[in-house]
């Protein structure tokens, strides 16, 4: 099923309504959809490199809007369903401690998930559940998603088709390694 969704998303790249489709996929991926917008964004930029910045901007804005939906889902469903489940299992106190720790590092979680292959929707929903500061969430989402999508656009604009394989296969790993190094550096500065 995931492969069919990926193939359907990819087929939208050549459609005359590709930009609204990209916005829809970017929005949905930040809250519920399993296919990343890169599947549509990459072929769109390769087909029209001069539109790379516009494509990255649409992807960024729609993704941040979708992140707000994810935040709302976490916030709204926690009150109606999540709290009941925690109470049922006697884990409400443990959740409060988790929420406090999450909110201490929440901006970093949003930044890391926003640029790595980690499912961004998990973090957007967790941010709503724990009540992460909405302004911090929004700023972190904008920075992370813009960094990711504009970097992909820049690489494709400069290197074209030869960059496609690198992006599809290795960019997630590179972002992940960068984020691990960044967080490790802050950890060393704070605790060593």
Protein backbone atom coordinates (compact mmCIF):
# COMPACT_ATOMS: atom_id res chain seq x y z
CA UNK A 1 0.00 0.00 0.00
CA UNK A 2 2.81 2.44 0.86
CA UNK A 3 4.42 1.82 -2.53
CA UNK A 4 1.11 2.61 -4.30
CA UNK A 5 0.82 5.88 -2.36
CA UNK A 6 4.42 6.74 -3.27
CA UNK A 7 3.82 5.98 -6.96
CA UNK A 8 0.59 8.01 -6.98
CA UNK A 9 2.36 10.95 -5.35
CA UNK A 10 5.20 10.72 -7.88
CA UNK A 11 2.78 10.68 -10.82
CA UNK A 12 1.38 14.05 -9.70
CA UNK A 13 4.72 15.76 -10.48
CA UNK A 14 3.94 16.06 -14.19
CA UNK A 15 0.34 17.11 -13.73
CA UNK A 16 -0.77 20.67 -14.51
CA UNK A 17 -1.97 20.95 -10.91
CA UNK A 18 1.35 19.78 -9.48
CA UNK A 19 1.85 22.83 -7.23
CA UNK A 20 -1.52 22.46 -5.42
CA UNK A 21 -0.85 18.71 -5.19
CA UNK A 22 2.54 19.46 -3.63
CA UNK A 23 0.92 21.80 -1.13
CA UNK A 24 -1.65 19.12 -0.26
CA UNK A 25 0.96 16.37 0.17
CA UNK A 26 3.22 18.68 2.22
CA UNK A 27 0.31 19.70 4.45
CA UNK A 28 -0.92 16.14 4.99
CA UNK A 29 2.56 14.67 5.58
CA UNK A 30 3.09 16.88 8.62
CA UNK A 31 0.04 15.48 10.36
CA UNK A 32 -1.22 12.17 8.91
CA UNK A 33 0.12 11.18 5.44
CA UNK A 34 2.95 8.60 5.25
CA UNK A 35 4.64 9.78 2.01
CA UNK A 36 7.15 12.67 2.28
CA UNK A 37 6.67 15.64 -0.06
CA UNK A 38 10.15 15.04 -1.48
CA UNK A 39 8.63 12.32 -3.68
CA UNK A 40 6.74 15.05 -5.53
CA UNK A 41 9.08 17.99 -4.98
CA UNK A 42 12.20 16.37 -6.47
CA UNK A 43 10.73 15.53 -9.90
CA UNK A 44 9.01 18.93 -10.01
CA UNK A 45 12.30 20.75 -9.48
CA UNK A 46 14.13 18.52 -11.94
CA UNK A 47 11.47 19.27 -14.56
CA UNK A 48 11.54 23.04 -13.90
CA UNK A 49 14.76 24.06 -12.10
CA UNK A 50 14.00 27.79 -12.41
CA UNK A 51 10.97 27.27 -10.16
CA UNK A 52 13.02 25.52 -7.44
CA UNK A 53 12.64 28.33 -4.88
CA UNK A 54 8.89 28.70 -5.44
CA UNK A 55 8.45 24.94 -5.11
CA UNK A 56 10.49 24.87 -1.88
CA UNK A 57 8.49 27.81 -0.50
CA UNK A 58 5.14 26.15 -1.21
CA UNK A 59 6.42 22.94 0.35
CA UNK A 60 7.63 24.80 3.46
CA UNK A 61 4.50 26.87 4.02
CA UNK A 62 2.12 23.96 3.48
CA UNK A 63 4.21 21.70 5.71
CA UNK A 64 4.17 24.23 8.57
CA UNK A 65 0.40 24.63 8.17
CA UNK A 66 0.07 20.84 8.33
CA UNK A 67 2.29 20.82 11.42
CA UNK A 68 -0.24 23.11 13.10
CA UNK A 69 -2.94 20.55 12.29
CA UNK A 70 -0.74 17.83 13.83
CA UNK A 71 -0.27 19.99 16.92
CA UNK A 72 -4.04 20.48 17.14
CA UNK A 73 -4.65 16.72 16.75
CA UNK A 74 -2.32 16.03 19.66
CA UNK A 75 -3.85 18.75 21.77
CA UNK A 76 -7.50 17.88 21.02
CA UNK A 77 -7.25 14.08 21.11
CA UNK A 78 -5.20 14.00 24.27
CA UNK A 79 -7.93 15.74 26.22
CA UNK A 80 -10.67 13.46 24.87
CA UNK A 81 -8.91 10.09 24.56
CA UNK A 82 -5.29 10.21 25.71
CA UNK A 83 -5.91 11.30 29.28
CA UNK A 84 -8.49 8.53 29.75
CA UNK A 85 -6.01 5.90 28.53
CA UNK A 86 -3.27 7.23 30.82
CA UNK A 87 -5.64 7.18 33.79
CA UNK A 88 -6.79 3.66 32.91
CA UNK A 89 -3.21 2.38 33.09
CA UNK A 90 -2.16 4.58 36.00
CA UNK A 91 0.41 6.43 33.92
CA UNK A 92 -0.85 10.02 34.25
CA UNK A 93 1.97 10.98 36.65
CA UNK A 94 4.60 9.47 34.36
CA UNK A 95 3.17 11.39 31.42
CA UNK A 96 3.47 14.67 33.31
CA UNK A 97 7.19 13.98 33.82
CA UNK A 98 7.57 13.05 30.14
CA UNK A 99 5.76 16.23 29.06
CA UNK A 100 8.05 18.35 31.22
CA UNK A 101 11.19 16.73 29.75
CA UNK A 102 9.78 16.94 26.23
CA UNK A 103 8.97 20.62 26.58
CA UNK A 104 12.47 21.32 27.89
CA UNK A 105 13.93 19.91 24.64
CA UNK A 106 10.84 20.24 22.41
CA UNK A 107 12.27 22.90 20.10
CA UNK A 108 15.21 20.59 19.34
CA UNK A 109 12.86 17.66 18.74
CA UNK A 110 10.92 19.72 16.22
CA UNK A 111 14.12 20.93 14.52
CA UNK A 112 15.62 17.45 14.28
CA UNK A 113 12.43 15.76 13.08
CA UNK A 114 11.82 18.58 10.61
CA UNK A 115 15.07 17.99 8.73
CA UNK A 116 15.59 14.23 9.13
CA UNK A 117 13.65 11.25 7.80
CA UNK A 118 12.01 10.83 11.22
CA UNK A 119 8.23 11.11 10.70
CA UNK A 120 7.51 14.79 11.37
CA UNK A 121 3.88 14.01 12.18
CA UNK A 122 4.96 12.13 15.33
CA UNK A 123 6.65 15.25 16.68
CA UNK A 124 3.87 17.63 15.64
CA UNK A 125 1.30 15.50 17.46
CA UNK A 126 3.59 14.98 20.49
CA UNK A 127 4.10 18.74 20.67
CA UNK A 128 0.36 19.26 20.92
CA UNK A 129 -0.08 16.48 23.46
CA UNK A 130 2.60 17.89 25.77
CA UNK A 131 1.55 21.51 25.28
CA UNK A 132 4.86 22.67 23.83
CA UNK A 133 4.81 26.46 23.53
CA UNK A 134 3.01 27.24 20.26
CA UNK A 135 5.35 30.12 19.25
CA UNK A 136 8.40 27.90 19.85
CA UNK A 137 6.74 25.10 17.88
CA UNK A 138 5.94 27.40 14.95
CA UNK A 139 9.40 29.00 14.78
CA UNK A 140 11.13 25.60 15.06
CA UNK A 141 8.85 24.15 12.36
CA UNK A 142 9.53 27.03 9.97
CA UNK A 143 13.31 26.82 10.48
CA UNK A 144 13.45 23.03 10.14
CA UNK A 145 11.16 22.66 7.15
CA UNK A 146 12.68 25.63 5.29
CA UNK A 147 16.19 24.25 5.88
CA UNK A 148 15.19 20.85 4.56
CA UNK A 149 13.22 21.90 1.50
CA UNK A 150 15.42 24.82 0.43
CA UNK A 151 18.56 22.71 0.77
CA UNK A 152 17.03 20.03 -1.46
CA UNK A 153 15.98 22.74 -3.93
CA UNK A 154 19.46 24.27 -3.93
CA UNK A 155 21.18 20.94 -4.51
CA UNK A 156 18.80 20.06 -7.35
CA UNK A 157 19.09 23.52 -8.90
CA UNK A 158 22.87 23.34 -8.93
CA UNK A 159 23.48 19.67 -9.70
CA UNK A 160 20.24 18.57 -11.44
CA UNK A 161 19.68 14.89 -12.22
CA UNK A 162 23.04 13.80 -10.82
CA UNK A 163 21.87 14.93 -7.36
CA UNK A 164 18.63 12.96 -7.43
CA UNK A 165 20.20 9.65 -6.43
CA UNK A 166 22.11 11.31 -3.59
CA UNK A 167 19.00 13.04 -2.25
CA UNK A 168 16.74 10.02 -2.48
CA UNK A 169 19.24 7.63 -0.92
CA UNK A 170 21.63 9.52 1.35
CA UNK A 171 20.40 12.98 2.31
CA UNK A 172 18.29 11.69 5.19
CA UNK A 173 21.35 9.95 6.59
CA UNK A 174 23.45 13.11 6.22
CA UNK A 175 20.80 15.24 7.98
CA UNK A 176 20.53 12.64 10.74
CA UNK A 177 24.32 12.57 11.28
CA UNK A 178 24.42 16.38 11.30
CA UNK A 179 21.65 16.55 13.90
CA UNK A 180 23.29 13.90 16.09
CA UNK A 181 26.55 15.86 15.97
CA UNK A 182 24.74 19.12 16.73
CA UNK A 183 22.82 17.71 19.69
CA UNK A 184 25.93 15.90 20.91
CA UNK A 185 27.83 19.18 20.81
CA UNK A 186 25.19 20.95 22.89
CA UNK A 187 25.14 18.03 25.32
CA UNK A 188 28.93 18.20 25.74
CA UNK A 189 28.80 21.98 26.25
CA UNK A 190 26.04 21.72 28.84
CA UNK A 191 27.18 18.67 30.82
CA UNK A 192 30.94 18.34 30.36
